[in-house]
């Protein structure tokens, strides 16, 4: 009997064009085994309308398996804490 795969809990750091596209791809396929559990961006305005997914300050104990840093390489993200 095949073992059921658990859902991978994904967090996105950066919610510009790339972060938005990654979220759309993950959300588009409910059978991909991934779930977005938080979204963080230095520009708090980008988090408007995201409800419980939005983490405008620091990431604190959300039970994430994978955090994707999807921002321009020159951006500085001071104070982002990712306890895994």
N, C-alpha and C. Protein backbone atom coordinates (compact mmCIF):
# COMPACT_ATOMS: atom_id res chain seq x y z
N UNK A 1 0.85 -1.18 0.00
CA UNK A 1 0.00 0.00 0.00
C UNK A 1 0.89 1.24 0.00
N UNK A 2 0.67 2.17 -0.95
CA UNK A 2 1.50 3.39 -1.01
C UNK A 2 1.27 4.26 0.22
N UNK A 3 2.37 4.84 0.72
CA UNK A 3 2.28 5.72 1.88
C UNK A 3 1.87 7.11 1.43
N UNK A 4 0.94 7.72 2.15
CA UNK A 4 0.46 9.06 1.81
C UNK A 4 1.56 10.08 2.10
N UNK A 5 1.85 10.94 1.13
CA UNK A 5 2.85 11.99 1.29
C UNK A 5 2.25 13.12 2.12
N UNK A 6 3.03 13.61 3.09
CA UNK A 6 2.55 14.74 3.88
C UNK A 6 2.69 16.03 3.08
N UNK A 7 1.98 17.03 3.49
CA UNK A 7 2.01 18.32 2.81
C UNK A 7 3.25 19.10 3.25
N UNK A 8 3.98 19.66 2.28
CA UNK A 8 5.13 20.50 2.57
C UNK A 8 4.63 21.92 2.81
N UNK A 9 4.95 22.45 3.99
CA UNK A 9 4.53 23.79 4.38
C UNK A 9 5.58 24.79 3.92
N UNK A 10 5.18 25.72 3.04
CA UNK A 10 6.09 26.63 2.36
C UNK A 10 5.84 28.07 2.82
N UNK A 11 6.94 28.79 3.08
CA UNK A 11 6.87 30.20 3.38
C UNK A 11 7.57 30.99 2.29
N UNK A 12 7.04 32.14 1.93
CA UNK A 12 7.64 32.99 0.90
C UNK A 12 8.18 34.26 1.54
N UNK A 13 9.44 34.54 1.28
CA UNK A 13 10.05 35.80 1.72
C UNK A 13 10.28 36.62 0.46
N UNK A 14 9.45 37.62 0.30
CA UNK A 14 9.44 38.42 -0.92
C UNK A 14 8.17 38.16 -1.69
N UNK A 15 7.39 39.20 -1.92
CA UNK A 15 6.10 39.02 -2.59
C UNK A 15 5.92 40.05 -3.70
N UNK A 16 6.93 40.12 -4.55
CA UNK A 16 6.84 40.94 -5.75
C UNK A 16 6.37 40.05 -6.90
N UNK A 17 6.91 40.29 -8.08
CA UNK A 17 6.50 39.51 -9.25
C UNK A 17 6.83 38.02 -9.11
N UNK A 18 8.04 37.72 -8.62
CA UNK A 18 8.44 36.31 -8.51
C UNK A 18 7.67 35.61 -7.39
N UNK A 19 7.60 36.24 -6.22
CA UNK A 19 6.88 35.64 -5.10
C UNK A 19 5.41 35.40 -5.43
N UNK A 20 4.80 36.36 -6.10
CA UNK A 20 3.40 36.20 -6.50
C UNK A 20 3.24 35.04 -7.48
N UNK A 21 4.16 34.94 -8.43
CA UNK A 21 4.10 33.84 -9.42
C UNK A 21 4.29 32.48 -8.75
N UNK A 22 5.20 32.40 -7.79
CA UNK A 22 5.43 31.14 -7.07
C UNK A 22 4.16 30.76 -6.30
N UNK A 23 3.56 31.72 -5.61
CA UNK A 23 2.32 31.42 -4.89
C UNK A 23 1.23 30.94 -5.84
N UNK A 24 1.08 31.62 -6.97
CA UNK A 24 0.05 31.23 -7.94
C UNK A 24 0.27 29.81 -8.44
N UNK A 25 1.53 29.45 -8.71
CA UNK A 25 1.84 28.09 -9.20
C UNK A 25 1.52 27.03 -8.13
N UNK A 26 1.86 27.33 -6.88
CA UNK A 26 1.59 26.38 -5.81
C UNK A 26 0.09 26.25 -5.58
N UNK A 27 -0.62 27.37 -5.54
CA UNK A 27 -2.06 27.35 -5.29
C UNK A 27 -2.86 26.75 -6.45
N UNK A 28 -2.31 26.83 -7.66
CA UNK A 28 -3.04 26.35 -8.84
C UNK A 28 -3.27 24.84 -8.82
N UNK A 29 -2.33 24.09 -8.23
CA UNK A 29 -2.42 22.62 -8.24
C UNK A 29 -2.60 22.09 -6.83
N UNK A 30 -3.82 21.76 -6.44
CA UNK A 30 -4.06 21.29 -5.07
C UNK A 30 -3.43 19.93 -4.78
N UNK A 31 -2.98 19.22 -5.80
CA UNK A 31 -2.39 17.90 -5.61
C UNK A 31 -0.86 17.91 -5.61
N UNK A 32 -0.24 19.10 -5.54
CA UNK A 32 1.22 19.17 -5.62
C UNK A 32 1.91 18.89 -4.28
N UNK A 33 1.15 18.74 -3.21
CA UNK A 33 1.73 18.42 -1.92
C UNK A 33 2.34 19.61 -1.20
N UNK A 34 2.02 20.85 -1.65
CA UNK A 34 2.56 22.04 -1.01
C UNK A 34 1.44 22.97 -0.56
N UNK A 35 1.72 23.69 0.53
CA UNK A 35 0.77 24.64 1.08
C UNK A 35 1.54 25.88 1.52
N UNK A 36 1.08 27.07 1.11
CA UNK A 36 1.70 28.31 1.55
C UNK A 36 1.21 28.60 2.97
N UNK A 37 2.16 28.79 3.92
CA UNK A 37 1.77 29.04 5.30
C UNK A 37 2.11 30.46 5.76
N UNK A 38 3.00 31.16 5.06
CA UNK A 38 3.24 32.56 5.36
C UNK A 38 3.85 33.26 4.16
N UNK A 39 3.65 34.57 4.13
CA UNK A 39 4.27 35.43 3.12
C UNK A 39 4.81 36.65 3.85
N UNK A 40 6.07 36.98 3.59
CA UNK A 40 6.70 38.13 4.22
C UNK A 40 7.27 39.03 3.13
N UNK A 41 7.17 40.34 3.33
CA UNK A 41 7.80 41.29 2.43
C UNK A 41 8.11 42.55 3.24
N UNK A 42 9.24 43.18 2.94
CA UNK A 42 9.58 44.42 3.63
C UNK A 42 8.56 45.51 3.36
N UNK A 43 7.96 45.49 2.19
CA UNK A 43 6.92 46.45 1.84
C UNK A 43 5.58 45.90 2.34
N UNK A 44 5.16 46.36 3.51
CA UNK A 44 3.93 45.84 4.12
C UNK A 44 2.71 46.03 3.22
N UNK A 45 2.74 46.99 2.32
CA UNK A 45 1.63 47.21 1.40
C UNK A 45 1.38 46.02 0.49
N UNK A 46 2.42 45.27 0.19
CA UNK A 46 2.26 44.08 -0.66
C UNK A 46 1.51 42.96 0.06
N UNK A 47 1.39 43.08 1.37
CA UNK A 47 0.75 42.02 2.15
C UNK A 47 -0.74 42.28 2.36
N UNK A 48 -1.22 43.46 1.92
CA UNK A 48 -2.64 43.78 2.07
C UNK A 48 -3.49 42.72 1.37
N UNK A 49 -4.52 42.29 2.05
CA UNK A 49 -5.45 41.33 1.47
C UNK A 49 -5.03 39.88 1.62
N UNK A 50 -3.89 39.61 2.27
CA UNK A 50 -3.43 38.23 2.41
C UNK A 50 -3.93 37.56 3.69
N UNK A 51 -4.56 38.32 4.56
CA UNK A 51 -5.11 37.75 5.79
C UNK A 51 -4.05 37.10 6.67
N UNK A 52 -4.34 35.88 7.12
CA UNK A 52 -3.45 35.17 8.05
C UNK A 52 -2.11 34.77 7.43
N UNK A 53 -2.00 34.79 6.11
CA UNK A 53 -0.72 34.44 5.47
C UNK A 53 0.33 35.54 5.65
N UNK A 54 -0.11 36.78 5.84
CA UNK A 54 0.80 37.92 5.90
C UNK A 54 1.54 37.97 7.22
N UNK A 55 2.85 38.07 7.14
CA UNK A 55 3.70 38.26 8.31
C UNK A 55 4.57 39.49 8.05
N UNK A 56 4.09 40.66 8.45
CA UNK A 56 4.80 41.89 8.10
C UNK A 56 6.11 42.11 8.85
N UNK A 57 6.28 41.50 10.01
CA UNK A 57 7.48 41.76 10.80
C UNK A 57 8.43 40.57 10.81
N UNK A 58 8.25 39.68 11.75
CA UNK A 58 9.13 38.53 11.88
C UNK A 58 8.33 37.24 11.78
N UNK A 59 8.99 36.23 11.27
CA UNK A 59 8.39 34.90 11.17
C UNK A 59 8.61 34.21 12.51
N UNK A 60 7.54 33.84 13.16
CA UNK A 60 7.67 33.20 14.47
C UNK A 60 6.85 31.92 14.50
N UNK A 61 7.52 30.80 14.58
CA UNK A 61 6.92 29.49 14.78
C UNK A 61 5.65 29.24 13.97
N UNK A 62 5.80 29.07 12.69
CA UNK A 62 4.66 28.74 11.84
C UNK A 62 4.73 27.30 11.35
N UNK A 63 5.74 26.56 11.78
CA UNK A 63 5.86 25.17 11.37
C UNK A 63 6.15 25.02 9.89
N UNK A 64 7.11 25.76 9.40
CA UNK A 64 7.43 25.75 7.98
C UNK A 64 8.47 24.67 7.67
N UNK A 65 8.29 23.98 6.55
CA UNK A 65 9.26 22.99 6.08
C UNK A 65 10.27 23.62 5.13
N UNK A 66 9.81 24.61 4.35
CA UNK A 66 10.64 25.21 3.32
C UNK A 66 10.34 26.70 3.23
N UNK A 67 11.38 27.53 3.38
CA UNK A 67 11.22 28.98 3.22
C UNK A 67 11.95 29.39 1.95
N UNK A 68 11.23 29.99 1.01
CA UNK A 68 11.81 30.43 -0.26
C UNK A 68 12.08 31.92 -0.21
N UNK A 69 13.32 32.28 -0.41
CA UNK A 69 13.75 33.68 -0.41
C UNK A 69 13.66 34.16 -1.86
N UNK A 70 12.58 34.82 -2.21
CA UNK A 70 12.33 35.19 -3.61
C UNK A 70 12.34 36.71 -3.75
N UNK A 71 13.51 37.29 -3.51
CA UNK A 71 13.69 38.73 -3.64
C UNK A 71 14.95 39.00 -4.45
N UNK A 72 15.11 40.25 -4.82
CA UNK A 72 16.32 40.63 -5.53
C UNK A 72 17.51 40.38 -4.62
N UNK A 73 18.63 39.91 -5.15
CA UNK A 73 19.76 39.55 -4.29
C UNK A 73 20.36 40.73 -3.53
N UNK A 74 20.10 41.94 -3.96
CA UNK A 74 20.70 43.09 -3.28
C UNK A 74 19.84 43.63 -2.15
N UNK A 75 18.65 43.11 -1.97
CA UNK A 75 17.79 43.59 -0.89
C UNK A 75 18.23 43.03 0.45
N UNK A 76 18.17 43.85 1.45
CA UNK A 76 18.55 43.47 2.80
C UNK A 76 17.29 43.16 3.59
N UNK A 77 17.29 42.06 4.30
CA UNK A 77 16.12 41.69 5.10
C UNK A 77 16.49 41.64 6.58
N UNK A 78 16.69 42.78 7.21
CA UNK A 78 17.07 42.78 8.62
C UNK A 78 15.93 42.27 9.51
N UNK A 79 16.28 41.50 10.50
CA UNK A 79 15.32 41.09 11.50
C UNK A 79 14.41 39.93 11.11
N UNK A 80 14.66 39.26 10.01
CA UNK A 80 13.83 38.13 9.65
C UNK A 80 14.39 36.90 10.35
N UNK A 81 13.57 36.27 11.16
CA UNK A 81 13.98 35.12 11.94
C UNK A 81 13.18 33.92 11.45
N UNK A 82 13.87 32.85 11.08
CA UNK A 82 13.20 31.67 10.56
C UNK A 82 13.50 30.44 11.41
N UNK A 83 12.76 30.22 12.49
CA UNK A 83 12.99 29.00 13.26
C UNK A 83 12.37 27.81 12.52
N UNK A 84 13.15 26.83 12.22
CA UNK A 84 12.64 25.67 11.48
C UNK A 84 12.40 24.50 12.41
